[in-house]
Amino acid sequence: MIIQKADKKIEERQEMRGGVGNVIIEHVLPENEMCGAGRLYAKMIVPPGHSVGNHDHIHEREIYYILKGNAQGMDDGVSCTLSEGDVMITKDGGSHSIRNIDQGDLEVMALILFEADNE
């Protein structure tokens, strides 16, 4: 299977999860291609000063991998600066947010995986 860029779903979300501004989401895989393991595998593009607001994850975890830029991340009330190559993992029952603190776009790979029944 090959998915070319022109065939990918791209969406723009305003005030995502109560955040500021807009976020572009370029889906890498549609949910039906994730073999029941998760519901999102996408690149998020967050313009300067924009953010994804604080939100919870129940029965799932979300992993952010910073591809480009600098961000202020909040994971379960703990704040830190995230840069290229950093990873933030929000586990089942946790909450998080991310804000672009750079002058250029922030690019983040986002992966939401369902929690296994035995964890």
C-alpha atoms as a PDB file:
ATOM      1  CA  MET A   1       0.000   0.000   0.000  1.00  0.00           C
ATOM      2  CA  ILE A   2       1.240   3.459  -0.887  1.00  0.00           C
ATOM      3  CA  ILE A   3      -0.390   6.682   0.260  1.00  0.00           C
ATOM      4  CA  GLN A   4       0.803   9.691  -1.679  1.00  0.00           C
ATOM      5  CA  LYS A   5       0.761  13.176  -0.222  1.00  0.00           C
ATOM      6  CA  ALA A   6      -2.044  14.265  -2.555  1.00  0.00           C
ATOM      7  CA  ASP A   7      -4.240  11.479  -1.149  1.00  0.00           C
ATOM      8  CA  LYS A   8      -3.737  12.252   2.547  1.00  0.00           C
ATOM      9  CA  LYS A   9      -6.466  13.826   4.642  1.00  0.00           C
ATOM     10  CA  ILE A  10      -5.446  17.326   5.758  1.00  0.00           C
ATOM     11  CA  GLU A  11      -7.604  19.350   8.112  1.00  0.00           C
ATOM     12  CA  GLU A  12      -7.361  22.672   9.896  1.00  0.00           C
ATOM     13  CA  ARG A  13      -8.773  22.873  13.415  1.00  0.00           C
ATOM     14  CA  GLN A  14      -9.588  26.183  15.053  1.00  0.00           C
ATOM     15  CA  GLU A  15      -8.915  26.488  18.795  1.00  0.00           C
ATOM     16  CA  MET A  16      -8.044  22.782  18.981  1.00  0.00           C
ATOM     17  CA  ARG A  17      -9.005  21.324  22.364  1.00  0.00           C
ATOM     18  CA  GLY A  18      -9.564  24.865  23.645  1.00  0.00           C
ATOM     19  CA  GLY A  19      -6.179  26.094  22.435  1.00  0.00           C
ATOM     20  CA  VAL A  20      -5.275  29.376  20.744  1.00  0.00           C
ATOM     21  CA  GLY A  21      -5.374  29.831  16.974  1.00  0.00           C
ATOM     22  CA  ASN A  22      -5.357  27.049  14.435  1.00  0.00           C
ATOM     23  CA  VAL A  23      -3.549  23.736  13.943  1.00  0.00           C
ATOM     24  CA  ILE A  24      -3.077  21.899  10.646  1.00  0.00           C
ATOM     25  CA  ILE A  25      -3.304  18.109  10.879  1.00  0.00           C
ATOM     26  CA  GLU A  26      -1.805  16.021   8.082  1.00  0.00           C
ATOM     27  CA  HIS A  27      -2.939  12.437   8.662  1.00  0.00           C
ATOM     28  CA  VAL A  28      -0.246   9.845   7.938  1.00  0.00           C
ATOM     29  CA  LEU A  29      -2.687   6.927   8.205  1.00  0.00           C
ATOM     30  CA  PRO A  30      -6.456   6.809   8.384  1.00  0.00           C
ATOM     31  CA  GLU A  31      -7.750   5.190  11.576  1.00  0.00           C
ATOM     32  CA  ASN A  32      -8.965   2.113   9.676  1.00  0.00           C
ATOM     33  CA  GLU A  33      -5.337   1.335   8.700  1.00  0.00           C
ATOM     34  CA  MET A  34      -4.084   1.288  12.320  1.00  0.00           C
ATOM     35  CA  CYS A  35      -5.142  -2.363  12.888  1.00  0.00           C
ATOM     36  CA  GLY A  36      -7.206  -1.424  15.943  1.00  0.00           C
ATOM     37  CA  ALA A  37      -4.085  -0.259  17.810  1.00  0.00           C
ATOM     38  CA  GLY A  38      -4.948   3.436  17.843  1.00  0.00           C
ATOM     39  CA  ARG A  39      -6.909   6.266  16.303  1.00  0.00           C
ATOM     40  CA  LEU A  40      -4.419   8.922  15.173  1.00  0.00           C
ATOM     41  CA  TYR A  41      -1.059   9.015  13.421  1.00  0.00           C
ATOM     42  CA  ALA A  42      -0.499  12.510  12.057  1.00  0.00           C
ATOM     43  CA  LYS A  43       1.827  15.464  11.668  1.00  0.00           C
ATOM     44  CA  MET A  44       0.558  18.602  13.376  1.00  0.00           C
ATOM     45  CA  ILE A  45       1.707  22.028  12.223  1.00  0.00           C
ATOM     46  CA  VAL A  46       1.241  24.693  14.887  1.00  0.00           C
ATOM     47  CA  PRO A  47       1.929  28.325  13.875  1.00  0.00           C
ATOM     48  CA  PRO A  48       3.868  30.680  16.190  1.00  0.00           C
ATOM     49  CA  GLY A  49       1.914  31.485  19.365  1.00  0.00           C
ATOM     50  CA  HIS A  50      -0.792  28.925  18.604  1.00  0.00           C
ATOM     51  CA  SER A  51      -1.537  25.887  20.758  1.00  0.00           C
ATOM     52  CA  VAL A  52      -3.416  22.665  21.398  1.00  0.00           C
ATOM     53  CA  GLY A  53      -5.320  23.185  24.650  1.00  0.00           C
ATOM     54  CA  ASN A  54      -5.172  20.951  27.697  1.00  0.00           C
ATOM     55  CA  HIS A  55      -7.125  17.723  27.228  1.00  0.00           C
ATOM     56  CA  ASP A  56      -7.435  14.263  28.788  1.00  0.00           C
ATOM     57  CA  HIS A  57      -6.727  10.798  27.418  1.00  0.00           C
ATOM     58  CA  ILE A  58      -8.836   7.954  28.793  1.00  0.00           C
ATOM     59  CA  HIS A  59      -8.075   4.325  27.797  1.00  0.00           C
ATOM     60  CA  GLU A  60      -5.388   5.610  25.422  1.00  0.00           C
ATOM     61  CA  ARG A  61      -2.047   7.380  25.364  1.00  0.00           C
ATOM     62  CA  GLU A  62      -0.720  10.105  23.081  1.00  0.00           C
ATOM     63  CA  ILE A  63       2.888  10.491  22.043  1.00  0.00           C
ATOM     64  CA  TYR A  64       4.237  13.766  20.651  1.00  0.00           C
ATOM     65  CA  TYR A  65       7.581  13.710  18.822  1.00  0.00           C
ATOM     66  CA  ILE A  66       8.952  17.179  18.062  1.00  0.00           C
ATOM     67  CA  LEU A  67      10.168  17.352  14.458  1.00  0.00           C
ATOM     68  CA  LYS A  68      10.846  21.087  14.204  1.00  0.00           C
ATOM     69  CA  GLY A  69      10.684  24.136  16.449  1.00  0.00           C
ATOM     70  CA  ASN A  70      10.354  24.755  20.169  1.00  0.00           C
ATOM     71  CA  ALA A  71       7.290  24.292  22.335  1.00  0.00           C
ATOM     72  CA  GLN A  72       6.037  24.718  25.854  1.00  0.00           C
ATOM     73  CA  GLY A  73       4.585  21.360  26.822  1.00  0.00           C
ATOM     74  CA  MET A  74       2.425  20.559  29.828  1.00  0.00           C
ATOM     75  CA  ASP A  75       1.978  16.929  30.880  1.00  0.00           C
ATOM     76  CA  ASP A  76      -0.093  16.197  33.993  1.00  0.00           C
ATOM     77  CA  GLY A  77       0.664  19.659  35.358  1.00  0.00           C
ATOM     78  CA  VAL A  78       4.418  19.456  34.694  1.00  0.00           C
ATOM     79  CA  SER A  79       5.664  22.138  32.299  1.00  0.00           C
ATOM     80  CA  CYS A  80       8.810  21.962  30.200  1.00  0.00           C
ATOM     81  CA  THR A  81      10.351  23.287  27.009  1.00  0.00           C
ATOM     82  CA  LEU A  82      10.399  20.781  24.160  1.00  0.00           C
ATOM     83  CA  SER A  83      12.755  20.960  21.179  1.00  0.00           C
ATOM     84  CA  GLU A  84      13.505  18.949  18.046  1.00  0.00           C
ATOM     85  CA  GLY A  85      13.935  15.269  18.917  1.00  0.00           C
ATOM     86  CA  ASP A  86      12.120  15.480  22.274  1.00  0.00           C
ATOM     87  CA  VAL A  87       9.193  13.188  23.096  1.00  0.00           C
ATOM     88  CA  MET A  88       6.215  13.781  25.396  1.00  0.00           C
ATOM     89  CA  ILE A  89       4.134  10.735  26.396  1.00  0.00           C
ATOM     90  CA  THR A  90       0.740  11.301  27.994  1.00  0.00           C
ATOM     91  CA  LYS A  91      -0.466   8.047  29.497  1.00  0.00           C
ATOM     92  CA  ASP A  92      -3.960   6.725  30.196  1.00  0.00           C
ATOM     93  CA  GLY A  93      -5.786   9.084  32.554  1.00  0.00           C
ATOM     94  CA  GLY A  94      -3.322  11.916  31.943  1.00  0.00           C
ATOM     95  CA  SER A  95      -3.760  15.337  30.376  1.00  0.00           C
ATOM     96  CA  HIS A  96      -1.515  17.544  28.277  1.00  0.00           C
ATOM     97  CA  SER A  97      -1.197  20.617  26.089  1.00  0.00           C
ATOM     98  CA  ILE A  98       1.411  22.108  23.772  1.00  0.00           C
ATOM     99  CA  ARG A  99       2.125  25.677  22.620  1.00  0.00           C
ATOM    100  CA  ASN A 100       4.485  26.931  19.922  1.00  0.00           C
ATOM    101  CA  ILE A 101       6.990  29.333  21.513  1.00  0.00           C
ATOM    102  CA  ASP A 102       9.155  29.712  18.400  1.00  0.00           C
ATOM    103  CA  GLN A 103       9.050  32.245  15.564  1.00  0.00           C
ATOM    104  CA  GLY A 104       8.521  29.545  12.921  1.00  0.00           C
ATOM    105  CA  ASP A 105       6.057  26.696  12.656  1.00  0.00           C
ATOM    106  CA  LEU A 106       6.149  23.893  15.215  1.00  0.00           C
ATOM    107  CA  GLU A 107       5.957  20.440  13.603  1.00  0.00           C
ATOM    108  CA  VAL A 108       4.933  17.506  15.793  1.00  0.00           C
ATOM    109  CA  MET A 109       4.233  13.852  15.018  1.00  0.00           C
ATOM    110  CA  ALA A 110       1.220  12.774  17.071  1.00  0.00           C
ATOM    111  CA  LEU A 111       0.341   9.141  17.728  1.00  0.00           C
ATOM    112  CA  ILE A 112      -2.681   8.043  19.785  1.00  0.00           C
ATOM    113  CA  LEU A 113      -2.600   4.386  20.821  1.00  0.00           C
ATOM    114  CA  PHE A 114      -5.280   2.473  22.692  1.00  0.00           C
ATOM    115  CA  GLU A 115      -4.262   1.018  26.060  1.00  0.00           C
ATOM    116  CA  ALA A 116      -4.035  -2.763  26.182  1.00  0.00           C
ATOM    117  CA  ASP A 117      -6.553  -4.464  28.473  1.00  0.00           C
ATOM    118  CA  ASN A 118      -3.743  -5.986  30.546  1.00  0.00           C
ATOM    119  CA  GLU A 119      -1.927  -2.752  31.414  1.00  0.00           C
END
